[in-house]
Amino acid sequence: MRISLKNLVLALLVTAIASGASAQELCVKNDRIQRILQYDGKVWRTIKFLSADGRISLQVKSEEFHILPMGKDEGLSISDFLAASRPRTYKKADTSFCEITYKPASEALKNAACPKLLTIRYY
């Protein structure tokens, strides 16, 4: 079987596009509501809330948190951090949990209020 360079490049391009198109998502839920988080390559953001049965949906682009130092006008949000590891998920009864640890991006360290490590627990 002979494969041309053109066909090989085309196959690799299609594979790269297909793998990049599917974003990583995770769902945290209980018996009333679901929260969908999506990984954008740097951080996990809430992108949607749903009723437990999925019939009611609210699309969002969350900043997840805002750290505003006393006496300052500018603070820090999820955009100033990077996911330090994969989310840790677990479940208790009908409620799922997720913990995500973040480290600050280098620019964020210039802010004196910036924590060295930050863990968010979703439930």
C-alpha atoms as a PDB file:
ATOM      1  CA  MET A   1       0.000   0.000   0.000  1.00  0.00           C
ATOM      2  CA  ARG A   2       1.409   3.333  -1.016  1.00  0.00           C
ATOM      3  CA  ILE A   3       0.398   6.523   0.756  1.00  0.00           C
ATOM      4  CA  SER A   4       1.226   9.845  -0.803  1.00  0.00           C
ATOM      5  CA  LEU A   5       2.542  12.732   1.248  1.00  0.00           C
ATOM      6  CA  LYS A   6      -0.531  14.759   0.262  1.00  0.00           C
ATOM      7  CA  ASN A   7      -2.909  12.096   1.637  1.00  0.00           C
ATOM      8  CA  LEU A   8      -0.872  11.767   4.828  1.00  0.00           C
ATOM      9  CA  VAL A   9      -0.925  15.533   5.463  1.00  0.00           C
ATOM     10  CA  LEU A  10      -4.674  15.643   4.760  1.00  0.00           C
ATOM     11  CA  ALA A  11      -5.313  12.759   7.193  1.00  0.00           C
ATOM     12  CA  LEU A  12      -3.246  14.426   9.926  1.00  0.00           C
ATOM     13  CA  LEU A  13      -5.032  17.741   9.395  1.00  0.00           C
ATOM     14  CA  VAL A  14      -8.482  16.130   9.642  1.00  0.00           C
ATOM     15  CA  THR A  15      -7.438  14.277  12.817  1.00  0.00           C
ATOM     16  CA  ALA A  16      -6.081  17.469  14.409  1.00  0.00           C
ATOM     17  CA  ILE A  17      -9.242  19.429  13.594  1.00  0.00           C
ATOM     18  CA  ALA A  18     -11.506  16.664  14.901  1.00  0.00           C
ATOM     19  CA  SER A  19      -9.581  16.293  18.158  1.00  0.00           C
ATOM     20  CA  GLY A  20      -9.514  20.067  18.741  1.00  0.00           C
ATOM     21  CA  ALA A  21     -13.225  20.445  18.067  1.00  0.00           C
ATOM     22  CA  SER A  22     -14.305  18.325  21.009  1.00  0.00           C
ATOM     23  CA  ALA A  23     -13.808  20.351  24.177  1.00  0.00           C
ATOM     24  CA  GLN A  24     -13.509  18.644  27.536  1.00  0.00           C
ATOM     25  CA  GLU A  25     -16.609  19.005  29.674  1.00  0.00           C
ATOM     26  CA  LEU A  26     -17.692  17.789  33.061  1.00  0.00           C
ATOM     27  CA  CYS A  27     -21.017  17.849  34.852  1.00  0.00           C
ATOM     28  CA  VAL A  28     -21.637  18.446  38.555  1.00  0.00           C
ATOM     29  CA  LYS A  29     -25.196  17.747  39.648  1.00  0.00           C
ATOM     30  CA  ASN A  30     -27.674  16.918  42.351  1.00  0.00           C
ATOM     31  CA  ASP A  31     -31.356  16.014  42.292  1.00  0.00           C
ATOM     32  CA  ARG A  32     -32.364  19.595  41.280  1.00  0.00           C
ATOM     33  CA  ILE A  33     -29.691  21.171  39.072  1.00  0.00           C
ATOM     34  CA  GLN A  34     -26.710  20.468  36.824  1.00  0.00           C
ATOM     35  CA  ARG A  35     -23.653  22.646  36.208  1.00  0.00           C
ATOM     36  CA  ILE A  36     -21.626  22.055  33.047  1.00  0.00           C
ATOM     37  CA  LEU A  37     -17.973  23.128  33.095  1.00  0.00           C
ATOM     38  CA  GLN A  38     -15.800  23.268  29.987  1.00  0.00           C
ATOM     39  CA  TYR A  39     -12.012  23.292  29.762  1.00  0.00           C
ATOM     40  CA  ASP A  40     -10.632  25.873  27.325  1.00  0.00           C
ATOM     41  CA  GLY A  41      -7.021  24.728  27.481  1.00  0.00           C
ATOM     42  CA  LYS A  42      -6.220  26.918  30.489  1.00  0.00           C
ATOM     43  CA  VAL A  43      -9.157  26.934  32.913  1.00  0.00           C
ATOM     44  CA  TRP A  44     -12.495  25.276  33.624  1.00  0.00           C
ATOM     45  CA  ARG A  45     -15.484  27.610  33.216  1.00  0.00           C
ATOM     46  CA  THR A  46     -19.155  27.131  33.919  1.00  0.00           C
ATOM     47  CA  ILE A  47     -20.861  27.320  30.538  1.00  0.00           C
ATOM     48  CA  LYS A  48     -24.355  26.131  31.393  1.00  0.00           C
ATOM     49  CA  PHE A  49     -26.838  25.423  34.180  1.00  0.00           C
ATOM     50  CA  LEU A  50     -29.618  22.905  33.566  1.00  0.00           C
ATOM     51  CA  SER A  51     -32.597  21.608  35.460  1.00  0.00           C
ATOM     52  CA  ALA A  52     -32.136  18.015  36.656  1.00  0.00           C
ATOM     53  CA  ASP A  53     -34.172  16.688  33.726  1.00  0.00           C
ATOM     54  CA  GLY A  54     -32.346  18.953  31.244  1.00  0.00           C
ATOM     55  CA  ARG A  55     -35.480  20.714  29.970  1.00  0.00           C
ATOM     56  CA  ILE A  56     -34.527  24.158  31.305  1.00  0.00           C
ATOM     57  CA  SER A  57     -31.124  25.522  30.318  1.00  0.00           C
ATOM     58  CA  LEU A  58     -29.201  28.739  31.013  1.00  0.00           C
ATOM     59  CA  GLN A  59     -26.037  29.431  28.981  1.00  0.00           C
ATOM     60  CA  VAL A  60     -23.351  31.440  30.810  1.00  0.00           C
ATOM     61  CA  LYS A  61     -19.685  32.389  30.539  1.00  0.00           C
ATOM     62  CA  SER A  62     -18.664  32.553  34.148  1.00  0.00           C
ATOM     63  CA  GLU A  63     -15.613  34.208  35.650  1.00  0.00           C
ATOM     64  CA  GLU A  64     -16.117  31.717  38.552  1.00  0.00           C
ATOM     65  CA  PHE A  65     -14.796  34.112  41.217  1.00  0.00           C
ATOM     66  CA  HIS A  66     -13.488  37.634  41.737  1.00  0.00           C
ATOM     67  CA  ILE A  67     -10.751  38.473  44.234  1.00  0.00           C
ATOM     68  CA  LEU A  68     -10.870  42.203  44.951  1.00  0.00           C
ATOM     69  CA  PRO A  69      -8.194  43.478  47.356  1.00  0.00           C
ATOM     70  CA  MET A  70      -9.245  46.090  49.915  1.00  0.00           C
ATOM     71  CA  GLY A  71      -8.963  49.623  48.556  1.00  0.00           C
ATOM     72  CA  LYS A  72      -8.275  48.507  44.982  1.00  0.00           C
ATOM     73  CA  ASP A  73     -10.269  48.889  41.781  1.00  0.00           C
ATOM     74  CA  GLU A  74      -8.915  45.839  39.976  1.00  0.00           C
ATOM     75  CA  GLY A  75      -8.999  42.247  41.067  1.00  0.00           C
ATOM     76  CA  LEU A  76      -8.381  38.717  39.887  1.00  0.00           C
ATOM     77  CA  SER A  77     -10.695  36.238  38.180  1.00  0.00           C
ATOM     78  CA  ILE A  78     -10.375  32.755  36.718  1.00  0.00           C
ATOM     79  CA  SER A  79      -8.727  34.331  33.659  1.00  0.00           C
ATOM     80  CA  ASP A  80      -5.688  35.134  35.817  1.00  0.00           C
ATOM     81  CA  PHE A  81      -5.070  31.473  36.682  1.00  0.00           C
ATOM     82  CA  LEU A  82      -4.201  28.152  35.039  1.00  0.00           C
ATOM     83  CA  ALA A  83      -5.518  24.733  35.977  1.00  0.00           C
ATOM     84  CA  ALA A  84      -2.721  23.028  37.918  1.00  0.00           C
ATOM     85  CA  SER A  85      -4.055  19.485  37.482  1.00  0.00           C
ATOM     86  CA  ARG A  86      -7.023  17.480  36.307  1.00  0.00           C
ATOM     87  CA  PRO A  87     -10.273  17.978  38.220  1.00  0.00           C
ATOM     88  CA  ARG A  88     -10.886  15.558  41.087  1.00  0.00           C
ATOM     89  CA  THR A  89     -14.462  14.277  40.992  1.00  0.00           C
ATOM     90  CA  TYR A  90     -16.408  12.281  43.545  1.00  0.00           C
ATOM     91  CA  LYS A  91     -19.985  11.615  44.606  1.00  0.00           C
ATOM     92  CA  LYS A  92     -21.948  11.494  47.878  1.00  0.00           C
ATOM     93  CA  ALA A  93     -25.544  10.269  47.732  1.00  0.00           C
ATOM     94  CA  ASP A  94     -27.236  12.105  44.821  1.00  0.00           C
ATOM     95  CA  THR A  95     -24.698  14.937  44.661  1.00  0.00           C
ATOM     96  CA  SER A  96     -21.537  14.968  42.565  1.00  0.00           C
ATOM     97  CA  PHE A  97     -18.554  17.103  43.524  1.00  0.00           C
ATOM     98  CA  CYS A  98     -15.552  18.434  41.675  1.00  0.00           C
ATOM     99  CA  GLU A  99     -12.380  20.054  42.989  1.00  0.00           C
ATOM    100  CA  ILE A 100     -10.131  22.005  40.660  1.00  0.00           C
ATOM    101  CA  THR A 101      -6.780  23.445  41.733  1.00  0.00           C
ATOM    102  CA  TYR A 102      -5.357  26.502  40.014  1.00  0.00           C
ATOM    103  CA  LYS A 103      -2.004  28.244  40.025  1.00  0.00           C
ATOM    104  CA  PRO A 104      -1.641  31.919  39.124  1.00  0.00           C
ATOM    105  CA  ALA A 105      -0.481  32.998  35.696  1.00  0.00           C
ATOM    106  CA  SER A 106       2.787  34.951  35.884  1.00  0.00           C
ATOM    107  CA  GLU A 107       1.091  38.332  35.331  1.00  0.00           C
ATOM    108  CA  ALA A 108      -1.312  37.689  38.251  1.00  0.00           C
ATOM    109  CA  LEU A 109       1.585  37.346  40.702  1.00  0.00           C
ATOM    110  CA  LYS A 110       2.129  41.106  40.422  1.00  0.00           C
ATOM    111  CA  ASN A 111      -1.092  41.537  42.425  1.00  0.00           C
ATOM    112  CA  ALA A 112      -0.269  41.319  46.152  1.00  0.00           C
ATOM    113  CA  ALA A 113      -3.638  39.663  46.837  1.00  0.00           C
ATOM    114  CA  CYS A 114      -2.899  36.773  44.487  1.00  0.00           C
ATOM    115  CA  PRO A 115      -2.886  33.374  46.229  1.00  0.00           C
ATOM    116  CA  LYS A 116      -0.081  30.954  45.373  1.00  0.00           C
ATOM    117  CA  LEU A 117      -2.606  28.142  44.903  1.00  0.00           C
ATOM    118  CA  LEU A 118      -6.397  28.164  44.721  1.00  0.00           C
ATOM    119  CA  THR A 119      -8.827  25.246  44.953  1.00  0.00           C
ATOM    120  CA  ILE A 120     -12.468  25.554  43.930  1.00  0.00           C
ATOM    121  CA  ARG A 121     -14.967  22.927  45.063  1.00  0.00           C
ATOM    122  CA  TYR A 122     -18.140  22.665  42.981  1.00  0.00           C
ATOM    123  CA  TYR A 123     -21.229  20.866  44.260  1.00  0.00           C
END
